[in-house]
N, C-alpha and C. Protein backbone atom coordinates (compact mmCIF):
# COMPACT_ATOMS: atom_id res chain seq x y z
N MET A 1 55.93 -20.63 -131.42
CA MET A 1 56.22 -19.27 -131.85
C MET A 1 55.52 -18.95 -133.16
N ALA A 2 54.36 -19.48 -133.36
CA ALA A 2 53.60 -19.19 -134.57
C ALA A 2 53.23 -17.72 -134.63
N ASP A 3 52.97 -17.10 -133.48
CA ASP A 3 52.63 -15.68 -133.45
C ASP A 3 53.75 -14.83 -134.02
N LYS A 4 54.99 -15.16 -133.72
CA LYS A 4 56.14 -14.39 -134.18
C LYS A 4 56.22 -14.44 -135.70
N GLU A 5 55.93 -15.61 -136.25
CA GLU A 5 55.96 -15.75 -137.70
C GLU A 5 54.78 -15.03 -138.34
N PHE A 6 53.64 -15.03 -137.67
CA PHE A 6 52.43 -14.44 -138.22
C PHE A 6 52.55 -12.92 -138.34
N TYR A 7 53.09 -12.28 -137.33
CA TYR A 7 53.24 -10.83 -137.36
C TYR A 7 54.65 -10.48 -137.79
N GLU A 8 54.75 -9.82 -138.92
CA GLU A 8 56.06 -9.53 -139.48
C GLU A 8 56.76 -8.36 -138.79
N ASP A 9 56.01 -7.45 -138.26
CA ASP A 9 56.65 -6.34 -137.55
C ASP A 9 55.80 -5.93 -136.35
N ASP A 10 56.37 -5.05 -135.53
CA ASP A 10 55.70 -4.63 -134.30
C ASP A 10 54.40 -3.89 -134.57
N ASN A 11 54.35 -3.10 -135.62
CA ASN A 11 53.13 -2.34 -135.93
C ASN A 11 51.96 -3.26 -136.23
N ALA A 12 52.20 -4.32 -136.97
CA ALA A 12 51.13 -5.26 -137.28
C ALA A 12 50.65 -5.94 -136.01
N LEU A 13 51.59 -6.28 -135.13
CA LEU A 13 51.22 -6.91 -133.86
C LEU A 13 50.39 -5.95 -133.02
N TRP A 14 50.84 -4.70 -132.92
CA TRP A 14 50.09 -3.71 -132.12
C TRP A 14 48.69 -3.51 -132.67
N LYS A 15 48.54 -3.42 -133.95
CA LYS A 15 47.21 -3.23 -134.56
C LYS A 15 46.30 -4.41 -134.22
N ALA A 16 46.84 -5.61 -134.23
CA ALA A 16 46.04 -6.79 -133.91
C ALA A 16 45.60 -6.77 -132.45
N VAL A 17 46.49 -6.37 -131.54
CA VAL A 17 46.16 -6.32 -130.12
C VAL A 17 45.19 -5.18 -129.84
N ALA A 18 45.45 -4.01 -130.39
CA ALA A 18 44.63 -2.82 -130.12
C ALA A 18 43.25 -2.89 -130.75
N SER A 19 43.04 -3.76 -131.70
CA SER A 19 41.73 -3.82 -132.36
C SER A 19 40.62 -4.26 -131.41
N ASP A 20 40.98 -4.94 -130.31
CA ASP A 20 39.98 -5.39 -129.34
C ASP A 20 39.67 -4.36 -128.27
N PHE A 21 40.39 -3.24 -128.21
CA PHE A 21 40.19 -2.24 -127.17
C PHE A 21 39.10 -1.26 -127.55
N ALA A 22 38.40 -0.75 -126.51
CA ALA A 22 37.38 0.28 -126.69
C ALA A 22 37.74 1.43 -125.76
N PRO A 23 37.48 2.67 -126.15
CA PRO A 23 37.81 3.80 -125.27
C PRO A 23 36.92 3.79 -124.03
N LEU A 24 37.44 4.43 -122.95
CA LEU A 24 36.67 4.56 -121.73
C LEU A 24 35.49 5.49 -121.96
N LYS A 25 34.38 5.24 -121.28
CA LYS A 25 33.19 6.07 -121.44
C LYS A 25 33.30 7.36 -120.66
N SER A 26 34.03 7.34 -119.54
CA SER A 26 34.15 8.51 -118.71
C SER A 26 35.47 9.21 -118.99
N LYS A 27 35.47 10.53 -118.93
CA LYS A 27 36.68 11.31 -119.15
C LYS A 27 37.46 11.51 -117.84
N LYS A 28 36.84 11.19 -116.68
CA LYS A 28 37.49 11.37 -115.39
C LYS A 28 38.51 10.25 -115.17
N PRO A 29 39.65 10.60 -114.57
CA PRO A 29 40.63 9.54 -114.28
C PRO A 29 40.12 8.60 -113.19
N ILE A 30 40.51 7.37 -113.26
CA ILE A 30 40.11 6.38 -112.27
C ILE A 30 41.06 6.49 -111.09
N ARG A 31 40.50 6.59 -109.88
CA ARG A 31 41.32 6.67 -108.67
C ARG A 31 41.12 5.40 -107.84
N ILE A 32 42.22 4.92 -107.35
CA ILE A 32 42.16 3.74 -106.50
C ILE A 32 42.25 4.20 -105.06
N ALA A 33 41.25 3.86 -104.25
CA ALA A 33 41.22 4.27 -102.85
C ALA A 33 42.26 3.47 -102.07
N ARG A 34 43.05 4.19 -101.28
CA ARG A 34 44.06 3.54 -100.43
C ARG A 34 43.96 4.09 -99.03
N ASP A 35 44.32 3.30 -98.13
CA ASP A 35 44.41 3.74 -96.76
C ASP A 35 45.59 4.71 -96.69
N ALA A 36 45.37 5.93 -96.25
CA ALA A 36 46.41 6.96 -96.23
C ALA A 36 47.59 6.57 -95.36
N ALA A 37 47.33 5.94 -94.24
CA ALA A 37 48.42 5.54 -93.34
C ALA A 37 49.28 4.46 -93.98
N ALA A 38 48.63 3.51 -94.67
CA ALA A 38 49.39 2.43 -95.32
C ALA A 38 50.24 3.00 -96.44
N ALA A 39 49.69 3.94 -97.20
CA ALA A 39 50.44 4.56 -98.28
C ALA A 39 51.64 5.33 -97.74
N ALA A 40 51.44 6.05 -96.64
CA ALA A 40 52.53 6.83 -96.05
C ALA A 40 53.63 5.92 -95.51
N SER A 41 53.22 4.82 -94.88
CA SER A 41 54.24 3.92 -94.31
C SER A 41 55.02 3.22 -95.41
N GLN A 42 54.37 2.97 -96.54
CA GLN A 42 55.09 2.33 -97.65
C GLN A 42 56.15 3.27 -98.21
N LYS A 43 55.87 4.55 -98.21
CA LYS A 43 56.83 5.51 -98.73
C LYS A 43 58.04 5.64 -97.82
N ARG A 44 57.83 5.56 -96.49
CA ARG A 44 58.91 5.73 -95.53
C ARG A 44 59.74 4.48 -95.31
N LYS A 45 59.21 3.32 -95.61
CA LYS A 45 59.88 2.06 -95.32
C LYS A 45 61.07 1.86 -96.25
N ALA A 46 62.22 1.68 -95.65
CA ALA A 46 63.42 1.39 -96.44
C ALA A 46 63.40 -0.09 -96.81
N PRO A 47 63.90 -0.43 -97.96
CA PRO A 47 63.91 -1.84 -98.34
C PRO A 47 64.82 -2.64 -97.41
N GLU A 48 64.39 -3.86 -97.10
CA GLU A 48 65.20 -4.71 -96.24
C GLU A 48 66.34 -5.29 -97.05
N ILE A 49 67.53 -5.21 -96.48
CA ILE A 49 68.69 -5.76 -97.14
C ILE A 49 69.27 -6.83 -96.25
N LYS A 50 69.39 -8.02 -96.77
CA LYS A 50 69.96 -9.12 -96.01
C LYS A 50 71.42 -9.24 -96.41
N ILE A 51 72.29 -9.19 -95.42
CA ILE A 51 73.71 -9.31 -95.70
C ILE A 51 74.15 -10.72 -95.31
N THR A 52 74.65 -11.42 -96.27
CA THR A 52 75.15 -12.75 -96.04
C THR A 52 76.65 -12.74 -96.26
N PRO A 53 77.41 -13.09 -95.24
CA PRO A 53 78.86 -13.07 -95.43
C PRO A 53 79.30 -14.11 -96.45
N ILE A 54 80.28 -13.76 -97.23
CA ILE A 54 80.83 -14.71 -98.19
C ILE A 54 81.83 -15.56 -97.44
N ILE A 55 81.54 -16.84 -97.41
CA ILE A 55 82.35 -17.76 -96.63
C ILE A 55 83.06 -18.69 -97.60
N PRO A 56 84.37 -18.69 -97.56
CA PRO A 56 85.06 -19.59 -98.47
C PRO A 56 84.82 -21.04 -98.06
N SER A 57 84.72 -21.89 -99.07
CA SER A 57 84.55 -23.30 -98.77
C SER A 57 85.85 -23.84 -98.21
N PRO A 58 85.74 -24.65 -97.16
CA PRO A 58 86.97 -25.23 -96.63
C PRO A 58 87.56 -26.19 -97.65
N PRO A 59 88.86 -26.41 -97.59
CA PRO A 59 89.46 -27.32 -98.55
C PRO A 59 88.91 -28.74 -98.39
N VAL A 60 89.04 -29.52 -99.44
CA VAL A 60 88.57 -30.90 -99.39
C VAL A 60 89.33 -31.62 -98.28
N LEU A 61 88.57 -32.35 -97.49
CA LEU A 61 89.16 -32.98 -96.32
C LEU A 61 89.66 -34.38 -96.63
N LYS A 62 90.82 -34.68 -96.10
CA LYS A 62 91.34 -36.04 -96.14
C LYS A 62 91.15 -36.57 -94.73
N LYS A 63 90.68 -37.76 -94.61
CA LYS A 63 90.39 -38.31 -93.29
C LYS A 63 91.62 -38.98 -92.69
N GLU A 64 92.73 -38.25 -92.67
CA GLU A 64 93.91 -38.77 -92.00
C GLU A 64 93.84 -38.34 -90.54
N ILE A 65 94.24 -39.18 -89.67
CA ILE A 65 94.12 -38.92 -88.25
C ILE A 65 95.51 -38.79 -87.64
N LYS A 66 95.73 -37.74 -86.89
CA LYS A 66 96.98 -37.58 -86.15
C LYS A 66 96.75 -38.11 -84.74
N GLN A 67 97.61 -38.96 -84.26
CA GLN A 67 97.45 -39.57 -82.94
C GLN A 67 97.38 -38.53 -81.82
N ASP A 68 98.15 -37.45 -81.93
CA ASP A 68 98.18 -36.48 -80.85
C ASP A 68 96.86 -35.72 -80.71
N TYR A 69 95.98 -35.84 -81.69
CA TYR A 69 94.69 -35.16 -81.62
C TYR A 69 93.60 -36.04 -81.01
N LEU A 70 93.88 -37.31 -80.86
CA LEU A 70 92.83 -38.23 -80.47
C LEU A 70 92.40 -38.08 -79.02
N GLU A 71 93.20 -37.46 -78.21
CA GLU A 71 92.81 -37.25 -76.82
C GLU A 71 91.80 -36.11 -76.77
N ALA A 72 90.72 -36.31 -76.04
CA ALA A 72 89.70 -35.27 -75.93
C ALA A 72 90.25 -34.17 -75.03
N GLY A 73 90.86 -33.20 -75.63
CA GLY A 73 91.41 -32.11 -74.86
C GLY A 73 92.80 -31.74 -75.32
N ASP A 74 92.98 -31.56 -76.60
CA ASP A 74 94.28 -31.18 -77.13
C ASP A 74 94.57 -29.73 -76.74
N MET A 75 95.61 -29.52 -75.93
CA MET A 75 95.96 -28.19 -75.46
C MET A 75 97.43 -27.88 -75.71
N LYS A 76 98.10 -28.67 -76.53
CA LYS A 76 99.54 -28.52 -76.67
C LYS A 76 99.95 -27.25 -77.42
N HIS A 77 99.02 -26.60 -78.11
CA HIS A 77 99.36 -25.39 -78.87
C HIS A 77 99.07 -24.10 -78.11
N VAL A 78 98.69 -24.22 -76.84
CA VAL A 78 98.39 -23.03 -76.04
C VAL A 78 99.16 -23.07 -74.73
N ASP A 79 99.38 -21.90 -74.16
CA ASP A 79 100.10 -21.89 -72.88
C ASP A 79 99.15 -22.27 -71.74
N GLY A 80 99.69 -22.45 -70.57
CA GLY A 80 98.94 -22.94 -69.43
C GLY A 80 97.76 -22.08 -69.04
N SER A 81 97.90 -20.75 -69.08
CA SER A 81 96.79 -19.89 -68.66
C SER A 81 95.64 -19.96 -69.66
N VAL A 82 95.95 -20.05 -70.94
CA VAL A 82 94.89 -20.16 -71.96
C VAL A 82 94.20 -21.51 -71.82
N ALA A 83 94.98 -22.57 -71.63
CA ALA A 83 94.41 -23.90 -71.45
C ALA A 83 93.49 -23.94 -70.24
N GLN A 84 93.92 -23.35 -69.14
CA GLN A 84 93.10 -23.36 -67.93
C GLN A 84 91.82 -22.55 -68.12
N LYS A 85 91.95 -21.43 -68.79
CA LYS A 85 90.78 -20.58 -69.05
C LYS A 85 89.76 -21.33 -69.92
N LEU A 86 90.25 -22.08 -70.91
CA LEU A 86 89.35 -22.86 -71.77
C LEU A 86 88.70 -23.99 -70.97
N LYS A 87 89.48 -24.72 -70.19
CA LYS A 87 88.95 -25.82 -69.38
C LYS A 87 87.91 -25.33 -68.38
N ASP A 88 88.12 -24.14 -67.82
CA ASP A 88 87.19 -23.58 -66.84
C ASP A 88 85.94 -22.96 -67.48
N GLY A 89 85.90 -22.91 -68.81
CA GLY A 89 84.75 -22.33 -69.49
C GLY A 89 84.69 -20.83 -69.36
N ASP A 90 85.86 -20.18 -69.19
CA ASP A 90 85.90 -18.74 -68.98
C ASP A 90 85.96 -17.92 -70.28
N TYR A 91 86.15 -18.58 -71.40
CA TYR A 91 86.08 -17.84 -72.67
C TYR A 91 84.62 -17.63 -73.01
N PRO A 92 84.27 -16.44 -73.51
CA PRO A 92 82.87 -16.25 -73.92
C PRO A 92 82.57 -17.14 -75.14
N ILE A 93 81.47 -17.86 -75.07
CA ILE A 93 81.07 -18.73 -76.18
C ILE A 93 80.40 -17.85 -77.23
N GLU A 94 80.99 -17.82 -78.40
CA GLU A 94 80.50 -16.92 -79.46
C GLU A 94 79.59 -17.61 -80.47
N ALA A 95 79.58 -18.94 -80.47
CA ALA A 95 78.69 -19.68 -81.38
C ALA A 95 78.50 -21.08 -80.81
N ARG A 96 77.33 -21.66 -81.07
CA ARG A 96 76.99 -22.99 -80.57
C ARG A 96 76.47 -23.85 -81.71
N LEU A 97 76.78 -25.13 -81.63
CA LEU A 97 76.25 -26.10 -82.59
C LEU A 97 75.81 -27.33 -81.82
N ASP A 98 74.57 -27.74 -82.03
CA ASP A 98 74.03 -28.94 -81.39
C ASP A 98 73.88 -30.02 -82.46
N LEU A 99 74.58 -31.13 -82.29
CA LEU A 99 74.58 -32.21 -83.28
C LEU A 99 73.61 -33.34 -82.95
N HIS A 100 72.81 -33.18 -81.89
CA HIS A 100 71.83 -34.22 -81.53
C HIS A 100 70.96 -34.58 -82.73
N GLY A 101 70.70 -35.87 -82.87
CA GLY A 101 69.76 -36.33 -83.90
C GLY A 101 70.33 -36.42 -85.30
N ARG A 102 71.61 -36.23 -85.47
CA ARG A 102 72.21 -36.29 -86.80
C ARG A 102 72.98 -37.60 -86.97
N THR A 103 73.06 -38.05 -88.21
CA THR A 103 73.91 -39.20 -88.49
C THR A 103 75.36 -38.73 -88.43
N GLN A 104 76.30 -39.68 -88.45
CA GLN A 104 77.71 -39.31 -88.41
C GLN A 104 78.09 -38.42 -89.59
N ASP A 105 77.63 -38.79 -90.78
CA ASP A 105 77.97 -38.00 -91.97
C ASP A 105 77.37 -36.60 -91.90
N GLU A 106 76.10 -36.52 -91.50
CA GLU A 106 75.46 -35.21 -91.37
C GLU A 106 76.16 -34.36 -90.32
N ALA A 107 76.49 -35.00 -89.20
CA ALA A 107 77.14 -34.27 -88.10
C ALA A 107 78.52 -33.76 -88.54
N PHE A 108 79.26 -34.58 -89.24
CA PHE A 108 80.60 -34.19 -89.68
C PHE A 108 80.52 -33.01 -90.66
N GLU A 109 79.65 -33.11 -91.65
CA GLU A 109 79.53 -32.03 -92.64
C GLU A 109 79.02 -30.74 -92.00
N THR A 110 78.05 -30.86 -91.10
CA THR A 110 77.51 -29.68 -90.41
C THR A 110 78.59 -29.03 -89.55
N MET A 111 79.34 -29.86 -88.82
CA MET A 111 80.41 -29.35 -87.97
C MET A 111 81.51 -28.69 -88.79
N ARG A 112 81.87 -29.31 -89.90
CA ARG A 112 82.92 -28.77 -90.78
C ARG A 112 82.52 -27.38 -91.29
N TYR A 113 81.29 -27.26 -91.75
CA TYR A 113 80.80 -25.97 -92.26
C TYR A 113 80.72 -24.95 -91.12
N PHE A 114 80.23 -25.38 -89.96
CA PHE A 114 80.09 -24.50 -88.81
C PHE A 114 81.44 -23.94 -88.37
N ILE A 115 82.44 -24.79 -88.27
CA ILE A 115 83.77 -24.35 -87.84
C ILE A 115 84.39 -23.40 -88.87
N ALA A 116 84.28 -23.73 -90.14
CA ALA A 116 84.83 -22.86 -91.18
C ALA A 116 84.14 -21.50 -91.17
N THR A 117 82.83 -21.51 -90.98
CA THR A 117 82.06 -20.26 -90.94
C THR A 117 82.43 -19.43 -89.72
N ALA A 118 82.49 -20.07 -88.56
CA ALA A 118 82.83 -19.37 -87.32
C ALA A 118 84.24 -18.76 -87.45
N HIS A 119 85.16 -19.50 -87.99
CA HIS A 119 86.53 -19.00 -88.17
C HIS A 119 86.55 -17.81 -89.11
N SER A 120 85.84 -17.91 -90.23
CA SER A 120 85.84 -16.80 -91.20
C SER A 120 85.16 -15.55 -90.63
N MET A 121 84.29 -15.72 -89.64
CA MET A 121 83.62 -14.58 -89.01
C MET A 121 84.41 -14.04 -87.83
N GLY A 122 85.58 -14.63 -87.56
CA GLY A 122 86.45 -14.13 -86.49
C GLY A 122 86.07 -14.60 -85.11
N LYS A 123 85.24 -15.65 -85.00
CA LYS A 123 84.88 -16.19 -83.68
C LYS A 123 86.11 -16.89 -83.10
N ARG A 124 86.22 -16.89 -81.78
CA ARG A 124 87.37 -17.53 -81.13
C ARG A 124 86.97 -18.78 -80.38
N CYS A 125 85.90 -18.71 -79.58
CA CYS A 125 85.51 -19.87 -78.77
C CYS A 125 84.11 -20.30 -79.17
N ILE A 126 83.98 -21.57 -79.55
CA ILE A 126 82.68 -22.11 -79.93
C ILE A 126 82.39 -23.32 -79.06
N LEU A 127 81.11 -23.67 -78.97
CA LEU A 127 80.67 -24.83 -78.22
C LEU A 127 80.01 -25.79 -79.20
N VAL A 128 80.49 -27.02 -79.23
CA VAL A 128 79.88 -28.05 -80.07
C VAL A 128 79.32 -29.12 -79.15
N ILE A 129 78.00 -29.34 -79.24
CA ILE A 129 77.30 -30.30 -78.39
C ILE A 129 77.11 -31.58 -79.19
N THR A 130 77.76 -32.64 -78.75
CA THR A 130 77.65 -33.93 -79.43
C THR A 130 76.63 -34.83 -78.76
N GLY A 131 76.38 -34.61 -77.48
CA GLY A 131 75.56 -35.51 -76.69
C GLY A 131 76.44 -36.60 -76.11
N LYS A 132 75.93 -37.25 -75.09
CA LYS A 132 76.71 -38.29 -74.41
C LYS A 132 76.44 -39.68 -74.98
N GLY A 133 75.32 -39.84 -75.64
CA GLY A 133 74.96 -41.15 -76.16
C GLY A 133 74.37 -42.03 -75.09
N VAL A 134 73.97 -43.23 -75.51
CA VAL A 134 73.39 -44.19 -74.58
C VAL A 134 74.48 -44.69 -73.64
N GLU A 135 74.25 -44.57 -72.37
CA GLU A 135 75.19 -44.99 -71.34
C GLU A 135 76.58 -44.35 -71.50
N GLY A 136 76.61 -43.15 -72.04
CA GLY A 136 77.88 -42.43 -72.18
C GLY A 136 78.77 -42.91 -73.31
N ASN A 137 78.23 -43.72 -74.22
CA ASN A 137 79.02 -44.25 -75.33
C ASN A 137 78.60 -43.63 -76.66
N GLY A 138 78.50 -42.32 -76.72
CA GLY A 138 78.03 -41.65 -77.92
C GLY A 138 79.02 -41.72 -79.07
N ILE A 139 78.51 -42.07 -80.24
CA ILE A 139 79.35 -42.15 -81.44
C ILE A 139 79.89 -40.78 -81.82
N LEU A 140 79.03 -39.76 -81.80
CA LEU A 140 79.46 -38.42 -82.19
C LEU A 140 80.51 -37.90 -81.21
N ARG A 141 80.29 -38.15 -79.94
CA ARG A 141 81.25 -37.72 -78.91
C ARG A 141 82.60 -38.40 -79.12
N GLU A 142 82.57 -39.67 -79.47
CA GLU A 142 83.79 -40.43 -79.69
C GLU A 142 84.51 -39.95 -80.97
N GLN A 143 83.74 -39.64 -81.99
CA GLN A 143 84.32 -39.25 -83.28
C GLN A 143 84.82 -37.81 -83.31
N PHE A 144 84.28 -36.96 -82.46
CA PHE A 144 84.58 -35.53 -82.52
C PHE A 144 86.07 -35.21 -82.53
N PRO A 145 86.87 -35.72 -81.59
CA PRO A 145 88.31 -35.41 -81.64
C PRO A 145 88.98 -35.90 -82.92
N LYS A 146 88.53 -37.03 -83.44
CA LYS A 146 89.07 -37.55 -84.70
C LYS A 146 88.73 -36.61 -85.86
N TRP A 147 87.50 -36.11 -85.87
CA TRP A 147 87.09 -35.20 -86.94
C TRP A 147 87.93 -33.93 -86.92
N LEU A 148 88.24 -33.44 -85.72
CA LEU A 148 89.03 -32.21 -85.64
C LEU A 148 90.44 -32.41 -86.18
N SER A 149 90.89 -33.65 -86.24
CA SER A 149 92.24 -33.92 -86.72
C SER A 149 92.31 -34.03 -88.24
N THR A 150 91.17 -34.03 -88.91
CA THR A 150 91.18 -34.19 -90.36
C THR A 150 91.78 -32.96 -91.02
N SER A 151 92.47 -33.21 -92.11
CA SER A 151 93.07 -32.12 -92.87
C SER A 151 91.96 -31.19 -93.33
N GLY A 152 92.16 -29.92 -93.19
CA GLY A 152 91.13 -28.95 -93.55
C GLY A 152 90.42 -28.39 -92.34
N LEU A 153 90.32 -29.15 -91.27
CA LEU A 153 89.76 -28.64 -90.03
C LEU A 153 90.86 -28.33 -89.03
N ARG A 154 91.88 -29.14 -89.04
CA ARG A 154 92.99 -28.98 -88.11
C ARG A 154 93.57 -27.57 -88.18
N GLU A 155 93.54 -26.96 -89.37
CA GLU A 155 94.11 -25.63 -89.56
C GLU A 155 93.33 -24.54 -88.82
N TYR A 156 92.05 -24.79 -88.50
CA TYR A 156 91.22 -23.80 -87.82
C TYR A 156 91.32 -23.90 -86.29
N ILE A 157 91.74 -25.05 -85.77
CA ILE A 157 91.64 -25.37 -84.35
C ILE A 157 92.94 -25.06 -83.62
N LEU A 158 92.83 -24.33 -82.52
CA LEU A 158 93.98 -24.07 -81.66
C LEU A 158 93.97 -25.07 -80.49
N ALA A 159 92.81 -25.29 -79.88
CA ALA A 159 92.70 -26.21 -78.75
C ALA A 159 91.24 -26.60 -78.58
N PHE A 160 91.00 -27.71 -77.88
CA PHE A 160 89.64 -28.10 -77.53
C PHE A 160 89.67 -28.93 -76.26
N THR A 161 88.55 -28.93 -75.58
CA THR A 161 88.41 -29.73 -74.36
C THR A 161 86.93 -29.94 -74.07
N HIS A 162 86.65 -30.88 -73.17
CA HIS A 162 85.26 -31.10 -72.76
C HIS A 162 84.73 -29.86 -72.06
N ALA A 163 83.44 -29.64 -72.20
CA ALA A 163 82.80 -28.46 -71.61
C ALA A 163 82.50 -28.69 -70.12
N LYS A 164 82.25 -27.60 -69.43
CA LYS A 164 81.82 -27.65 -68.03
C LYS A 164 80.36 -28.18 -68.00
N PRO A 165 79.92 -28.70 -66.85
CA PRO A 165 78.56 -29.26 -66.75
C PRO A 165 77.46 -28.29 -67.20
N GLN A 166 77.60 -27.00 -66.91
CA GLN A 166 76.55 -26.05 -67.30
C GLN A 166 76.45 -25.86 -68.82
N HIS A 167 77.46 -26.32 -69.55
CA HIS A 167 77.45 -26.22 -71.01
C HIS A 167 77.34 -27.58 -71.69
N GLY A 168 77.11 -28.63 -70.93
CA GLY A 168 76.93 -29.94 -71.53
C GLY A 168 77.89 -31.00 -71.03
N GLY A 169 78.88 -30.63 -70.25
CA GLY A 169 79.80 -31.60 -69.66
C GLY A 169 80.50 -32.46 -70.69
N ASP A 170 80.51 -33.77 -70.42
CA ASP A 170 81.18 -34.71 -71.32
C ASP A 170 80.49 -34.84 -72.68
N GLY A 171 79.30 -34.29 -72.82
CA GLY A 171 78.57 -34.36 -74.09
C GLY A 171 78.75 -33.11 -74.93
N ALA A 172 79.74 -32.28 -74.59
CA ALA A 172 79.97 -31.05 -75.35
C ALA A 172 81.45 -30.70 -75.28
N PHE A 173 81.88 -29.90 -76.23
CA PHE A 173 83.29 -29.50 -76.31
C PHE A 173 83.41 -28.00 -76.51
N TYR A 174 84.36 -27.40 -75.80
CA TYR A 174 84.78 -26.04 -76.12
C TYR A 174 85.85 -26.18 -77.19
N VAL A 175 85.77 -25.35 -78.20
CA VAL A 175 86.77 -25.35 -79.26
C VAL A 175 87.30 -23.93 -79.39
N LEU A 176 88.60 -23.78 -79.22
CA LEU A 176 89.25 -22.49 -79.37
C LEU A 176 89.81 -22.42 -80.78
N LEU A 177 89.31 -21.47 -81.56
CA LEU A 177 89.74 -21.34 -82.96
C LEU A 177 90.95 -20.43 -83.06
N ARG A 178 91.73 -20.68 -84.08
CA ARG A 178 92.87 -19.81 -84.36
C ARG A 178 92.35 -18.45 -84.81
N LYS A 179 93.18 -17.43 -84.67
CA LYS A 179 92.79 -16.10 -85.12
C LYS A 179 92.69 -16.10 -86.64
N ASN A 180 91.67 -15.43 -87.14
CA ASN A 180 91.45 -15.33 -88.58
C ASN A 180 92.36 -14.21 -89.11
N ARG A 181 93.29 -14.56 -89.95
CA ARG A 181 94.24 -13.56 -90.45
C ARG A 181 93.99 -13.24 -91.89
């Protein structure tokens, strides 16, 4: 900041800067040629506004497991017709998440954020694709029901079950979320 110390006031600074300038030789204003169509379209174009919903962070999760959640297909909180509709894949799928290629930690964090976001946006039925794994022994598929039982996620979930073959079969789950109040 030697310059700041050198110039004691704005006038001295301006005089030093302006001393290098020379007046224009021509009295005519300088015009910049523009494509008329481009100029007109720039005037009409409204600025793009990106709306990002504010999504509350889900509470810190405790990895406690409730035994009643460990079965792939917890339907005890819904009546028979809702359970059947979910099992038959008759609810419209409003959001999908594919966990293929992720580690357990990545998959869990991605799923946690996805479910919290879907719930805050008022989605009811989501599809989570875990994959079947080698010879049907997929780690993500096995862990999924346990993850749903963790504190912080359990509050969003009303029911879940394996998906129909057209949506991934045993390698995917329908998840019915509670209503966002």
